Every structure is written in structure tokens, then in C-alpha cells.
Amino acid sequence: MVQPPMILCVTLNPCLDKTLSVPAWRPGDLVRGRSSRDVVGGKGNNVARALKRLGRDPRPVTFLGGTVGETCRTLLKEADGLEPIAVATAAPTRVILTVATEGTADQTAFFDPDPAVTHAEADELVAKVETALAEPGVEALTLSGSSPSTTTHGVYSDLISLAGARRVPVFLDTYGPALEAIWGFWPTVLQMNRREAGMRLGKPAGDDDVADLLRSWRRRGVALGVVTDGPAPAFFLAGDVLYRAFPPEIHVKNPIGSGDSLLAGLVDARLKGLDPEATIRRAMACAVANASVWDAGAVDPETVERLEHEIEVEVEAP
């Protein structure tokens, strides 16, 4: 039996994402929750979840620590049907508590501090990915999210080099120290949102700034650069052609994970061999489909196919 192409999805800063639904409340109230739901968070885990929904064979690669980490491992296996490659950490996996007020769009998220990952744990994750890349059938590597500590800032750069040596395409979605640490090899695809682009530039990113940033990535060898902007149009630079993609208006249920689903759509499109415009439609449709449901990465393939026809793609003047 021929195994489907495997996609490694790396998350350096995972979490247990707990959502508590509550009635209307004010600070200082004693509030009894109506319902709660746990999902494994972290951008790469969202990418893996979306890829699984699209019929691919992803494997999350991440750090998991303590009892929260064990809960995440169980949820990835039993709820998402994913088999993680995990490095055990002495520091516990963080928890993000989102309090959603029933009958409104109001939600507030409370984040645990980032875990302190040791040098040995970071090296172990790099070694596990290197071993996995040596296996037959690995056709893509995704690297998503922030770096939790100084020991992990250079991990993405190391993994891009390892994948490049094996001609495995790399899809990167990060910002800050993890992006600043990249040198030598650059990814095949690089994605960030407009706020992160502004952080990179040190000023608010206008359209011309975004276009210049994408072209600077191109000069470093990035085949496809993407800057998203929530429900606003996104910019794509494929080769030397700059595109602007317009999503349709929808009722947004939860935008968290839309960028991760977009990245999953880019991976899926590459494995399908789609041309640039079809790739953009596929990726944007995945992002919009994600925003229409609550759980991050829980895209519906039929919804994606329908939305592909509603994405407007324009070629920008040089």
C-alpha cells in the first residue's frame, strides 16, 4: 500500500486552548460557566488539523510538558486523529483560557506565561525532525508560530537548512526573534500578517511597504510570499507577480486559526500542483472557511471548494 505524502507541522509554543462559555458578567462577579471545551492550540497544530480535514497526512511536531502536555497528546490522538512527534519538557505546557460571553461576540483570552525550554530539549526537537525528514514520503515541512524562549529562537533556521538539504519545501509563518534568526537558507513560502509586517518594518505597513517587503523576501529565494490582513485583502507575491486577493463577506464565528488554515491551503495547493491563482483561491478559501466555525483548523472541504469560486484575485500593476 502506497503511503500518502507526510507533512511535518512544527509548533514551538503549543497550548491547551480552553474555552469557557458564560452568561453576561462584569468584573468582580462570581461567574458559573455554562459549557467548556478543550482543543490543542498552537499555530502548527492548527495547520495539522486543517491539513487532516483536507485529506492530507500531517504529523504535529511540538514540545509537551506536564499533565497539560499529556492532555494535549491525548486530544491530538483521540480528538484530531493525529500522531504527534513530541519532546517532553520539564516546563508544563501553557494554558490559554478564552471566556466567551453567550449571545455576544465578546471573548477575552488569558494566557499562561511561555514555558522555559532548555537547550537540550530544543536540540532534541531538531534531532527528531532531522530523523523524520530522512524517512521516505515527507513532502513538506511547516513551521508556525512564535518562539517561547531564547533557546528556541534558532530552531526554525536550523530546520529550514535541514529541509533544504533534502529538497523538502518549507512553509514558514512566524515573526520576531524566530524570523530574525534566519540566515543562509530561506523558506519556500513565507507568510505573516500585516501587524507582524509592521513589527518587522518598525512602522505601520502600508500597501507599498507590504509589496516592498514581499519583494525583499523574493530576493532571498522565497518562491511565494504572503501578507494577510484579517478580513481585508491579502497580498501574494508568486515569482515576480504581485496579487491581491479579496475574501467574501461572511458571518465570522471565530477568526483564530484562519492564518494557519491559509497556510494549510498553500501546502495542499502545492501538493496538487496548482497554478498561482488557483493556489491563492484555495488558501484564501481555507482561511474563510476556518473563520466560519469555532474550532481553529476545523475547515470543511466542501465549504472550501464552494468558497474558492467567491475569492476575487487581481494582479497588481508592477
C-alpha atoms as a PDB file:
ATOM      1  CA  MET A   1       0.000   0.000   0.000  1.00  0.00           C
ATOM      2  CA  VAL A   2       1.374   3.399  -1.030  1.00  0.00           C
ATOM      3  CA  GLN A   3       1.590   5.808   1.902  1.00  0.00           C
ATOM      4  CA  PRO A   4       0.283   9.338   1.342  1.00  0.00           C
ATOM      5  CA  PRO A   5       2.820  12.164   1.438  1.00  0.00           C
ATOM      6  CA  MET A   6       3.605  13.090   5.042  1.00  0.00           C
ATOM      7  CA  ILE A   7       3.702  16.708   6.183  1.00  0.00           C
ATOM      8  CA  LEU A   8       5.595  17.675   9.331  1.00  0.00           C
ATOM      9  CA  CYS A   9       3.948  20.556  11.216  1.00  0.00           C
ATOM     10  CA  VAL A  10       6.202  22.158  13.834  1.00  0.00           C
ATOM     11  CA  THR A  11       4.921  24.241  16.765  1.00  0.00           C
ATOM     12  CA  LEU A  12       7.414  25.643  19.249  1.00  0.00           C
ATOM     13  CA  ASN A  13       4.830  27.188  21.572  1.00  0.00           C
ATOM     14  CA  PRO A  14       1.798  24.877  21.916  1.00  0.00           C
ATOM     15  CA  CYS A  15      -1.020  25.277  24.397  1.00  0.00           C
ATOM     16  CA  LEU A  16      -4.179  23.738  25.722  1.00  0.00           C
ATOM     17  CA  ASP A  17      -6.856  26.110  24.465  1.00  0.00           C
ATOM     18  CA  LYS A  18      -9.762  26.061  26.919  1.00  0.00           C
ATOM     19  CA  THR A  19     -12.983  27.862  26.004  1.00  0.00           C
ATOM     20  CA  LEU A  20     -15.465  28.648  28.788  1.00  0.00           C
ATOM     21  CA  SER A  21     -18.923  29.897  27.782  1.00  0.00           C
ATOM     22  CA  VAL A  22     -20.533  32.132  30.406  1.00  0.00           C
ATOM     23  CA  PRO A  23     -23.633  34.324  30.791  1.00  0.00           C
ATOM     24  CA  ALA A  24     -23.286  38.110  30.756  1.00  0.00           C
ATOM     25  CA  TRP A  25     -20.907  39.217  33.527  1.00  0.00           C
ATOM     26  CA  ARG A  26     -18.956  42.127  34.962  1.00  0.00           C
ATOM     27  CA  PRO A  27     -15.502  42.191  36.585  1.00  0.00           C
ATOM     28  CA  GLY A  28     -15.819  41.113  40.198  1.00  0.00           C
ATOM     29  CA  ASP A  29     -18.818  38.808  39.569  1.00  0.00           C
ATOM     30  CA  LEU A  30     -18.782  35.149  40.575  1.00  0.00           C
ATOM     31  CA  VAL A  31     -19.499  33.552  37.207  1.00  0.00           C
ATOM     32  CA  ARG A  32     -20.627  29.965  36.680  1.00  0.00           C
ATOM     33  CA  GLY A  33     -19.758  28.589  33.264  1.00  0.00           C
ATOM     34  CA  ARG A  34     -22.442  27.094  31.029  1.00  0.00           C
ATOM     35  CA  SER A  35     -20.122  24.874  28.971  1.00  0.00           C
ATOM     36  CA  SER A  36     -16.429  24.299  28.326  1.00  0.00           C
ATOM     37  CA  ARG A  37     -14.329  22.835  25.515  1.00  0.00           C
ATOM     38  CA  ASP A  38     -10.661  21.890  25.246  1.00  0.00           C
ATOM     39  CA  VAL A  39      -8.662  21.946  21.988  1.00  0.00           C
ATOM     40  CA  VAL A  40      -4.928  21.658  21.433  1.00  0.00           C
ATOM     41  CA  GLY A  41      -3.741  25.086  20.318  1.00  0.00           C
ATOM     42  CA  GLY A  42      -0.557  26.415  18.799  1.00  0.00           C
ATOM     43  CA  LYS A  43      -0.335  27.501  15.179  1.00  0.00           C
ATOM     44  CA  GLY A  44       1.325  24.378  13.793  1.00  0.00           C
ATOM     45  CA  ASN A  45      -1.260  22.171  15.474  1.00  0.00           C
ATOM     46  CA  ASN A  46      -3.973  24.230  13.796  1.00  0.00           C
ATOM     47  CA  VAL A  47      -2.190  23.745  10.455  1.00  0.00           C
ATOM     48  CA  ALA A  48      -2.077  19.986  11.044  1.00  0.00           C
ATOM     49  CA  ARG A  49      -5.765  19.900  11.951  1.00  0.00           C
ATOM     50  CA  ALA A  50      -6.694  21.773   8.761  1.00  0.00           C
ATOM     51  CA  LEU A  51      -4.488  19.552   6.601  1.00  0.00           C
ATOM     52  CA  LYS A  52      -6.128  16.457   8.103  1.00  0.00           C
ATOM     53  CA  ARG A  53      -9.534  17.861   7.146  1.00  0.00           C
ATOM     54  CA  LEU A  54      -8.232  18.424   3.608  1.00  0.00           C
ATOM     55  CA  GLY A  55      -7.326  14.754   3.302  1.00  0.00           C
ATOM     56  CA  ARG A  56      -3.584  15.052   3.961  1.00  0.00           C
ATOM     57  CA  ASP A  57      -1.357  13.103   6.377  1.00  0.00           C
ATOM     58  CA  PRO A  58       0.160  15.640   8.799  1.00  0.00           C
ATOM     59  CA  ARG A  59       2.229  14.898  11.896  1.00  0.00           C
ATOM     60  CA  PRO A  60       2.445  17.591  14.564  1.00  0.00           C
ATOM     61  CA  VAL A  61       5.925  18.168  15.990  1.00  0.00           C
ATOM     62  CA  THR A  62       5.974  20.023  19.280  1.00  0.00           C
ATOM     63  CA  PHE A  63       7.003  20.318  22.919  1.00  0.00           C
ATOM     64  CA  LEU A  64       4.662  18.834  25.556  1.00  0.00           C
ATOM     65  CA  GLY A  65       5.217  19.113  29.298  1.00  0.00           C
ATOM     66  CA  GLY A  66       3.472  18.031  32.492  1.00  0.00           C
ATOM     67  CA  THR A  67      -0.114  16.893  32.890  1.00  0.00           C
ATOM     68  CA  VAL A  68      -1.348  19.578  30.490  1.00  0.00           C
ATOM     69  CA  GLY A  69       1.069  18.246  27.898  1.00  0.00           C
ATOM     70  CA  GLU A  70      -0.258  14.722  28.376  1.00  0.00           C
ATOM     71  CA  THR A  71      -3.797  16.022  27.950  1.00  0.00           C
ATOM     72  CA  CYS A  72      -2.707  17.664  24.692  1.00  0.00           C
ATOM     73  CA  ARG A  73      -1.111  14.440  23.472  1.00  0.00           C
ATOM     74  CA  THR A  74      -4.336  12.533  24.166  1.00  0.00           C
ATOM     75  CA  LEU A  75      -6.506  15.149  22.457  1.00  0.00           C
ATOM     76  CA  LEU A  76      -4.285  15.216  19.359  1.00  0.00           C
ATOM     77  CA  LYS A  77      -4.609  11.449  19.053  1.00  0.00           C
ATOM     78  CA  GLU A  78      -8.207  10.866  20.057  1.00  0.00           C
ATOM     79  CA  ALA A  79      -9.983  14.081  19.039  1.00  0.00           C
ATOM     80  CA  ASP A  80      -7.946  15.038  15.970  1.00  0.00           C
ATOM     81  CA  GLY A  81      -6.679  11.676  14.732  1.00  0.00           C
ATOM     82  CA  LEU A  82      -3.081  12.934  14.720  1.00  0.00           C
ATOM     83  CA  GLU A  83       0.075  11.149  15.872  1.00  0.00           C
ATOM     84  CA  PRO A  84       2.394  13.769  17.376  1.00  0.00           C
ATOM     85  CA  ILE A  85       6.166  13.716  17.437  1.00  0.00           C
ATOM     86  CA  ALA A  86       6.669  15.238  20.871  1.00  0.00           C
ATOM     87  CA  VAL A  87       9.614  16.280  23.016  1.00  0.00           C
ATOM     88  CA  ALA A  88       8.921  16.120  26.733  1.00  0.00           C
ATOM     89  CA  THR A  89       9.762  19.340  28.570  1.00  0.00           C
ATOM     90  CA  ALA A  90      10.347  19.948  32.256  1.00  0.00           C
ATOM     91  CA  ALA A  91       8.214  23.098  32.000  1.00  0.00           C
ATOM     92  CA  PRO A  92       4.471  22.446  31.716  1.00  0.00           C
ATOM     93  CA  THR A  93       2.609  23.220  28.501  1.00  0.00           C
ATOM     94  CA  ARG A  94       0.817  26.555  28.816  1.00  0.00           C
ATOM     95  CA  VAL A  95      -2.944  27.005  29.022  1.00  0.00           C
ATOM     96  CA  ILE A  96      -4.935  29.696  27.225  1.00  0.00           C
ATOM     97  CA  LEU A  97      -8.365  30.316  28.760  1.00  0.00           C
ATOM     98  CA  THR A  98     -10.859  32.044  26.476  1.00  0.00           C
ATOM     99  CA  VAL A  99     -14.014  33.323  28.178  1.00  0.00           C
ATOM    100  CA  ALA A 100     -16.845  33.710  25.676  1.00  0.00           C
ATOM    101  CA  THR A 101     -19.988  35.578  26.695  1.00  0.00           C
ATOM    102  CA  GLU A 102     -23.131  33.868  25.434  1.00  0.00           C
ATOM    103  CA  GLY A 103     -25.289  35.787  22.996  1.00  0.00           C
ATOM    104  CA  THR A 104     -22.497  38.205  22.092  1.00  0.00           C
ATOM    105  CA  ALA A 105     -19.277  38.283  20.101  1.00  0.00           C
ATOM    106  CA  ASP A 106     -17.355  39.192  23.266  1.00  0.00           C
ATOM    107  CA  GLN A 107     -14.447  36.948  24.221  1.00  0.00           C
ATOM    108  CA  THR A 108     -11.411  37.506  26.421  1.00  0.00           C
ATOM    109  CA  ALA A 109      -8.309  35.314  26.391  1.00  0.00           C
ATOM    110  CA  PHE A 110      -5.971  34.782  29.358  1.00  0.00           C
ATOM    111  CA  PHE A 111      -2.504  33.387  28.517  1.00  0.00           C
ATOM    112  CA  ASP A 112      -0.175  31.442  30.774  1.00  0.00           C
ATOM    113  CA  PRO A 113       3.462  32.584  30.574  1.00  0.00           C
ATOM    114  CA  ASP A 114       5.585  30.977  27.860  1.00  0.00           C
ATOM    115  CA  PRO A 115       7.445  27.864  29.039  1.00  0.00           C
ATOM    116  CA  ALA A 116      11.204  27.820  29.581  1.00  0.00           C
ATOM    117  CA  VAL A 117      12.531  25.289  27.059  1.00  0.00           C
ATOM    118  CA  THR A 118      16.051  24.007  27.759  1.00  0.00           C
ATOM    119  CA  HIS A 119      18.876  23.811  25.208  1.00  0.00           C
ATOM    120  CA  ALA A 120      18.769  20.020  25.402  1.00  0.00           C
ATOM    121  CA  GLU A 121      15.015  19.965  24.706  1.00  0.00           C
ATOM    122  CA  ALA A 122      15.417  22.319  21.735  1.00  0.00           C
ATOM    123  CA  ASP A 123      18.234  20.161  20.336  1.00  0.00           C
ATOM    124  CA  GLU A 124      16.091  17.056  20.762  1.00  0.00           C
ATOM    125  CA  LEU A 125      13.273  18.569  18.706  1.00  0.00           C
ATOM    126  CA  VAL A 126      15.702  19.450  15.896  1.00  0.00           C
ATOM    127  CA  ALA A 127      17.072  15.888  16.009  1.00  0.00           C
ATOM    128  CA  LYS A 128      13.584  14.372  15.850  1.00  0.00           C
ATOM    129  CA  VAL A 129      12.716  16.460  12.789  1.00  0.00           C
ATOM    130  CA  GLU A 130      16.020  15.515  11.145  1.00  0.00           C
ATOM    131  CA  THR A 131      15.195  11.845  11.690  1.00  0.00           C
ATOM    132  CA  ALA A 132      11.676  12.291  10.309  1.00  0.00           C
ATOM    133  CA  LEU A 133      12.975  14.145   7.232  1.00  0.00           C
ATOM    134  CA  ALA A 134      15.171  11.131   6.461  1.00  0.00           C
ATOM    135  CA  GLU A 135      12.096   8.911   6.186  1.00  0.00           C
ATOM    136  CA  PRO A 136      10.556   8.347   2.723  1.00  0.00           C
ATOM    137  CA  GLY A 137       7.462  10.293   1.751  1.00  0.00           C
ATOM    138  CA  VAL A 138       7.977  13.598   3.615  1.00  0.00           C
ATOM    139  CA  GLU A 139       6.828  16.209   1.102  1.00  0.00           C
ATOM    140  CA  ALA A 140       6.504  19.381   3.156  1.00  0.00           C
ATOM    141  CA  LEU A 141       7.571  20.986   6.436  1.00  0.00           C
ATOM    142  CA  THR A 142       5.524  23.724   8.089  1.00  0.00           C
ATOM    143  CA  LEU A 143       6.969  25.965  10.807  1.00  0.00           C
ATOM    144  CA  SER A 144       4.378  28.045  12.619  1.00  0.00           C
ATOM    145  CA  GLY A 145       4.120  30.462  15.484  1.00  0.00           C
ATOM    146  CA  SER A 146       6.352  32.264  17.917  1.00  0.00           C
ATOM    147  CA  SER A 147       9.454  31.073  19.742  1.00  0.00           C
ATOM    148  CA  PRO A 148       8.874  30.723  23.510  1.00  0.00           C
ATOM    149  CA  SER A 149      12.440  31.225  24.748  1.00  0.00           C
ATOM    150  CA  THR A 150      15.956  32.199  23.696  1.00  0.00           C
ATOM    151  CA  THR A 151      16.886  28.518  23.407  1.00  0.00           C
ATOM    152  CA  THR A 152      14.364  28.034  20.576  1.00  0.00           C
ATOM    153  CA  HIS A 153      14.901  31.236  18.566  1.00  0.00           C
ATOM    154  CA  GLY A 154      17.252  29.499  16.113  1.00  0.00           C
ATOM    155  CA  VAL A 155      15.280  26.266  15.726  1.00  0.00           C
ATOM    156  CA  TYR A 156      13.342  27.332  12.625  1.00  0.00           C
ATOM    157  CA  SER A 157      16.555  28.416  10.907  1.00  0.00           C
ATOM    158  CA  ASP A 158      18.131  25.028  11.661  1.00  0.00           C
ATOM    159  CA  LEU A 159      15.086  23.172  10.353  1.00  0.00           C
ATOM    160  CA  ILE A 160      14.944  25.223   7.142  1.00  0.00           C
ATOM    161  CA  SER A 161      18.564  24.258   6.475  1.00  0.00           C
ATOM    162  CA  LEU A 162      17.894  20.569   7.154  1.00  0.00           C
ATOM    163  CA  ALA A 163      14.838  20.536   4.892  1.00  0.00           C
ATOM    164  CA  GLY A 164      16.654  22.470   2.168  1.00  0.00           C
ATOM    165  CA  ALA A 165      19.409  19.875   2.118  1.00  0.00           C
ATOM    166  CA  ARG A 166      16.751  17.240   1.379  1.00  0.00           C
ATOM    167  CA  ARG A 167      14.820  19.426  -1.087  1.00  0.00           C
ATOM    168  CA  VAL A 168      11.730  19.414   1.128  1.00  0.00           C
ATOM    169  CA  PRO A 169       9.685  22.633   0.705  1.00  0.00           C
ATOM    170  CA  VAL A 170       9.308  24.718   3.852  1.00  0.00           C
ATOM    171  CA  PHE A 171       6.255  26.828   4.725  1.00  0.00           C
ATOM    172  CA  LEU A 172       7.073  29.394   7.412  1.00  0.00           C
ATOM    173  CA  ASP A 173       4.669  31.570   9.408  1.00  0.00           C
ATOM    174  CA  THR A 174       6.481  33.399  12.185  1.00  0.00           C
ATOM    175  CA  TYR A 175       7.731  36.784  13.329  1.00  0.00           C
ATOM    176  CA  GLY A 176      10.037  38.373  15.887  1.00  0.00           C
ATOM    177  CA  PRO A 177      13.182  36.591  17.133  1.00  0.00           C
ATOM    178  CA  ALA A 178      12.453  33.335  15.264  1.00  0.00           C
ATOM    179  CA  LEU A 179      12.354  35.237  11.970  1.00  0.00           C
ATOM    180  CA  GLU A 180      15.306  37.464  12.830  1.00  0.00           C
ATOM    181  CA  ALA A 181      17.420  34.344  13.483  1.00  0.00           C
ATOM    182  CA  ILE A 182      17.023  33.024   9.927  1.00  0.00           C
ATOM    183  CA  TRP A 183      20.127  33.216   7.750  1.00  0.00           C
ATOM    184  CA  GLY A 184      21.513  31.211   4.835  1.00  0.00           C
ATOM    185  CA  PHE A 185      18.587  29.081   3.674  1.00  0.00           C
ATOM    186  CA  TRP A 186      15.211  30.807   3.468  1.00  0.00           C
ATOM    187  CA  PRO A 187      11.831  29.026   3.268  1.00  0.00           C
ATOM    188  CA  THR A 188       9.938  28.169   0.090  1.00  0.00           C
ATOM    189  CA  VAL A 189       6.885  30.035   1.381  1.00  0.00           C
ATOM    190  CA  LEU A 190       6.871  32.840   3.963  1.00  0.00           C
ATOM    191  CA  GLN A 191       3.670  34.180   5.481  1.00  0.00           C
ATOM    192  CA  MET A 192       2.820  36.786   8.111  1.00  0.00           C
ATOM    193  CA  ASN A 193       0.002  39.220   8.838  1.00  0.00           C
ATOM    194  CA  ARG A 194       0.105  42.968   8.295  1.00  0.00           C
ATOM    195  CA  ARG A 195       0.610  43.734  12.005  1.00  0.00           C
ATOM    196  CA  GLU A 196       3.628  41.426  12.077  1.00  0.00           C
ATOM    197  CA  ALA A 197       4.903  43.035   8.864  1.00  0.00           C
ATOM    198  CA  GLY A 198       4.720  46.399  10.623  1.00  0.00           C
ATOM    199  CA  MET A 199       6.733  44.973  13.510  1.00  0.00           C
ATOM    200  CA  ARG A 200       9.310  43.738  11.020  1.00  0.00           C
ATOM    201  CA  LEU A 201       9.494  47.144   9.341  1.00  0.00           C
ATOM    202  CA  GLY A 202       9.354  49.187  12.545  1.00  0.00           C
ATOM    203  CA  LYS A 203       6.368  51.205  11.318  1.00  0.00           C
ATOM    204  CA  PRO A 204       2.748  50.708  10.182  1.00  0.00           C
ATOM    205  CA  ALA A 205       2.844  48.706   6.941  1.00  0.00           C
ATOM    206  CA  GLY A 206       1.070  50.433   4.047  1.00  0.00           C
ATOM    207  CA  ASP A 207       0.381  48.661   0.757  1.00  0.00           C
ATOM    208  CA  ASP A 208       3.634  49.851  -0.822  1.00  0.00           C
ATOM    209  CA  ASP A 209       5.557  48.729   2.268  1.00  0.00           C
ATOM    210  CA  VAL A 210       3.973  45.284   2.042  1.00  0.00           C
ATOM    211  CA  ALA A 211       4.877  44.988  -1.649  1.00  0.00           C
ATOM    212  CA  ASP A 212       8.478  46.028  -0.947  1.00  0.00           C
ATOM    213  CA  LEU A 213       8.716  43.525   1.918  1.00  0.00           C
ATOM    214  CA  LEU A 214       7.450  40.700  -0.295  1.00  0.00           C
ATOM    215  CA  ARG A 215       9.995  41.608  -2.989  1.00  0.00           C
ATOM    216  CA  SER A 216      12.783  41.585  -0.390  1.00  0.00           C
ATOM    217  CA  TRP A 217      11.799  38.013   0.510  1.00  0.00           C
ATOM    218  CA  ARG A 218      11.818  37.122  -3.174  1.00  0.00           C
ATOM    219  CA  ARG A 219      15.419  38.303  -3.479  1.00  0.00           C
ATOM    220  CA  ARG A 220      16.314  35.854  -0.692  1.00  0.00           C
ATOM    221  CA  GLY A 221      14.809  32.952  -2.627  1.00  0.00           C
ATOM    222  CA  VAL A 222      11.255  32.819  -1.226  1.00  0.00           C
ATOM    223  CA  ALA A 223       9.068  31.425  -4.031  1.00  0.00           C
ATOM    224  CA  LEU A 224       5.766  32.629  -2.555  1.00  0.00           C
ATOM    225  CA  GLY A 225       5.361  35.452  -0.062  1.00  0.00           C
ATOM    226  CA  VAL A 226       2.079  36.222   1.693  1.00  0.00           C
ATOM    227  CA  VAL A 227       0.909  39.076   3.902  1.00  0.00           C
ATOM    228  CA  THR A 228      -2.611  38.696   5.274  1.00  0.00           C
ATOM    229  CA  ASP A 229      -4.816  41.317   6.882  1.00  0.00           C
ATOM    230  CA  GLY A 230      -7.794  39.619   8.562  1.00  0.00           C
ATOM    231  CA  PRO A 231     -10.980  40.202   6.528  1.00  0.00           C
ATOM    232  CA  ALA A 232      -9.188  42.781   4.344  1.00  0.00           C
ATOM    233  CA  PRO A 233      -7.442  41.819   1.085  1.00  0.00           C
ATOM    234  CA  ALA A 234      -4.249  39.764   1.306  1.00  0.00           C
ATOM    235  CA  PHE A 235      -1.106  40.231  -0.810  1.00  0.00           C
ATOM    236  CA  PHE A 236       0.711  37.366  -2.541  1.00  0.00           C
ATOM    237  CA  LEU A 237       3.967  37.547  -4.491  1.00  0.00           C
ATOM    238  CA  ALA A 238       4.405  34.439  -6.654  1.00  0.00           C
ATOM    239  CA  GLY A 239       7.630  34.695  -8.607  1.00  0.00           C
ATOM    240  CA  ASP A 240       7.649  38.281  -9.826  1.00  0.00           C
ATOM    241  CA  VAL A 241       3.854  38.671  -9.991  1.00  0.00           C
ATOM    242  CA  LEU A 242       2.062  40.541  -7.196  1.00  0.00           C
ATOM    243  CA  TYR A 243      -1.544  39.539  -6.479  1.00  0.00           C
ATOM    244  CA  ARG A 244      -4.228  40.962  -4.232  1.00  0.00           C
ATOM    245  CA  ALA A 245      -6.930  38.549  -3.019  1.00  0.00           C
ATOM    246  CA  PHE A 246     -10.325  39.665  -1.705  1.00  0.00           C
ATOM    247  CA  PRO A 247     -12.280  37.330   0.610  1.00  0.00           C
ATOM    248  CA  PRO A 248     -16.099  37.339   0.548  1.00  0.00           C
ATOM    249  CA  GLU A 249     -18.067  38.770   3.442  1.00  0.00           C
ATOM    250  CA  ILE A 250     -19.232  36.086   5.873  1.00  0.00           C
ATOM    251  CA  HIS A 251     -20.602  35.786   9.385  1.00  0.00           C
ATOM    252  CA  VAL A 252     -17.394  35.347  11.390  1.00  0.00           C
ATOM    253  CA  LYS A 253     -17.699  32.869  14.241  1.00  0.00           C
ATOM    254  CA  ASN A 254     -14.023  32.725  15.287  1.00  0.00           C
ATOM    255  CA  PRO A 255     -11.118  34.144  13.260  1.00  0.00           C
ATOM    256  CA  ILE A 256      -8.446  32.356  15.323  1.00  0.00           C
ATOM    257  CA  GLY A 257      -6.611  29.846  13.155  1.00  0.00           C
ATOM    258  CA  SER A 258      -7.548  31.446   9.836  1.00  0.00           C
ATOM    259  CA  GLY A 259      -3.920  32.231   9.001  1.00  0.00           C
ATOM    260  CA  ASP A 260      -2.975  28.664   9.926  1.00  0.00           C
ATOM    261  CA  SER A 261      -5.715  27.303   7.692  1.00  0.00           C
ATOM    262  CA  LEU A 262      -4.467  29.567   4.902  1.00  0.00           C
ATOM    263  CA  LEU A 263      -1.007  28.040   5.291  1.00  0.00           C
ATOM    264  CA  ALA A 264      -2.543  24.562   5.159  1.00  0.00           C
ATOM    265  CA  GLY A 265      -4.271  25.571   1.935  1.00  0.00           C
ATOM    266  CA  LEU A 266      -0.926  26.664   0.460  1.00  0.00           C
ATOM    267  CA  VAL A 267       0.587  23.276   1.293  1.00  0.00           C
ATOM    268  CA  ASP A 268      -2.402  21.424  -0.145  1.00  0.00           C
ATOM    269  CA  ALA A 269      -2.278  23.524  -3.317  1.00  0.00           C
ATOM    270  CA  ARG A 270       1.422  22.830  -3.820  1.00  0.00           C
ATOM    271  CA  LEU A 271       0.896  19.088  -3.460  1.00  0.00           C
ATOM    272  CA  LYS A 272      -1.916  19.364  -6.005  1.00  0.00           C
ATOM    273  CA  GLY A 273       0.377  21.256  -8.397  1.00  0.00           C
ATOM    274  CA  LEU A 274      -1.996  24.210  -8.720  1.00  0.00           C
ATOM    275  CA  ASP A 275      -1.047  27.398 -10.578  1.00  0.00           C
ATOM    276  CA  PRO A 276      -0.612  30.650  -8.592  1.00  0.00           C
ATOM    277  CA  GLU A 277      -4.158  31.980  -8.943  1.00  0.00           C
ATOM    278  CA  ALA A 278      -5.703  28.612  -8.067  1.00  0.00           C
ATOM    279  CA  THR A 279      -3.295  28.357  -5.123  1.00  0.00           C
ATOM    280  CA  ILE A 280      -4.391  31.759  -3.838  1.00  0.00           C
ATOM    281  CA  ARG A 281      -8.075  30.849  -4.146  1.00  0.00           C
ATOM    282  CA  ARG A 282      -7.505  27.561  -2.324  1.00  0.00           C
ATOM    283  CA  ALA A 283      -5.580  29.183   0.511  1.00  0.00           C
ATOM    284  CA  MET A 284      -7.953  32.106   0.983  1.00  0.00           C
ATOM    285  CA  ALA A 285     -10.965  29.769   0.900  1.00  0.00           C
ATOM    286  CA  CYS A 286      -9.415  27.714   3.706  1.00  0.00           C
ATOM    287  CA  ALA A 287      -8.936  30.863   5.787  1.00  0.00           C
ATOM    288  CA  VAL A 288     -12.531  31.995   5.259  1.00  0.00           C
ATOM    289  CA  ALA A 289     -13.895  28.508   5.976  1.00  0.00           C
ATOM    290  CA  ASN A 290     -11.987  28.488   9.261  1.00  0.00           C
ATOM    291  CA  ALA A 291     -13.448  31.834  10.341  1.00  0.00           C
ATOM    292  CA  SER A 292     -16.964  30.451   9.875  1.00  0.00           C
ATOM    293  CA  VAL A 293     -16.525  27.792  12.610  1.00  0.00           C
ATOM    294  CA  TRP A 294     -15.354  27.926  16.233  1.00  0.00           C
ATOM    295  CA  ASP A 295     -12.506  25.380  16.421  1.00  0.00           C
ATOM    296  CA  ALA A 296      -9.253  26.530  14.821  1.00  0.00           C
ATOM    297  CA  GLY A 297      -8.337  24.461  11.780  1.00  0.00           C
ATOM    298  CA  ALA A 298     -11.689  22.665  11.598  1.00  0.00           C
ATOM    299  CA  VAL A 299     -12.202  23.529   7.925  1.00  0.00           C
ATOM    300  CA  ASP A 300     -14.884  21.742   5.922  1.00  0.00           C
ATOM    301  CA  PRO A 301     -13.600  20.622   2.471  1.00  0.00           C
ATOM    302  CA  GLU A 302     -16.969  21.180   0.777  1.00  0.00           C
ATOM    303  CA  THR A 303     -17.137  24.708   2.175  1.00  0.00           C
ATOM    304  CA  VAL A 304     -13.603  25.343   0.929  1.00  0.00           C
ATOM    305  CA  GLU A 305     -14.495  24.219  -2.597  1.00  0.00           C
ATOM    306  CA  ARG A 306     -17.560  26.462  -2.646  1.00  0.00           C
ATOM    307  CA  LEU A 307     -15.656  29.477  -1.333  1.00  0.00           C
ATOM    308  CA  GLU A 308     -12.863  29.106  -3.900  1.00  0.00           C
ATOM    309  CA  HIS A 309     -15.262  30.497  -6.504  1.00  0.00           C
ATOM    310  CA  GLU A 310     -16.040  33.522  -4.307  1.00  0.00           C
ATOM    311  CA  ILE A 311     -12.429  34.689  -3.871  1.00  0.00           C
ATOM    312  CA  GLU A 312     -11.533  37.630  -6.104  1.00  0.00           C
ATOM    313  CA  VAL A 313      -7.922  37.669  -7.308  1.00  0.00           C
ATOM    314  CA  GLU A 314      -6.367  40.679  -9.023  1.00  0.00           C
ATOM    315  CA  VAL A 315      -2.901  41.125 -10.497  1.00  0.00           C
ATOM    316  CA  GLU A 316      -1.364  44.335  -9.182  1.00  0.00           C
ATOM    317  CA  ALA A 317       0.347  46.708 -11.599  1.00  0.00           C
ATOM    318  CA  PRO A 318       4.167  46.448 -11.461  1.00  0.00           C
END
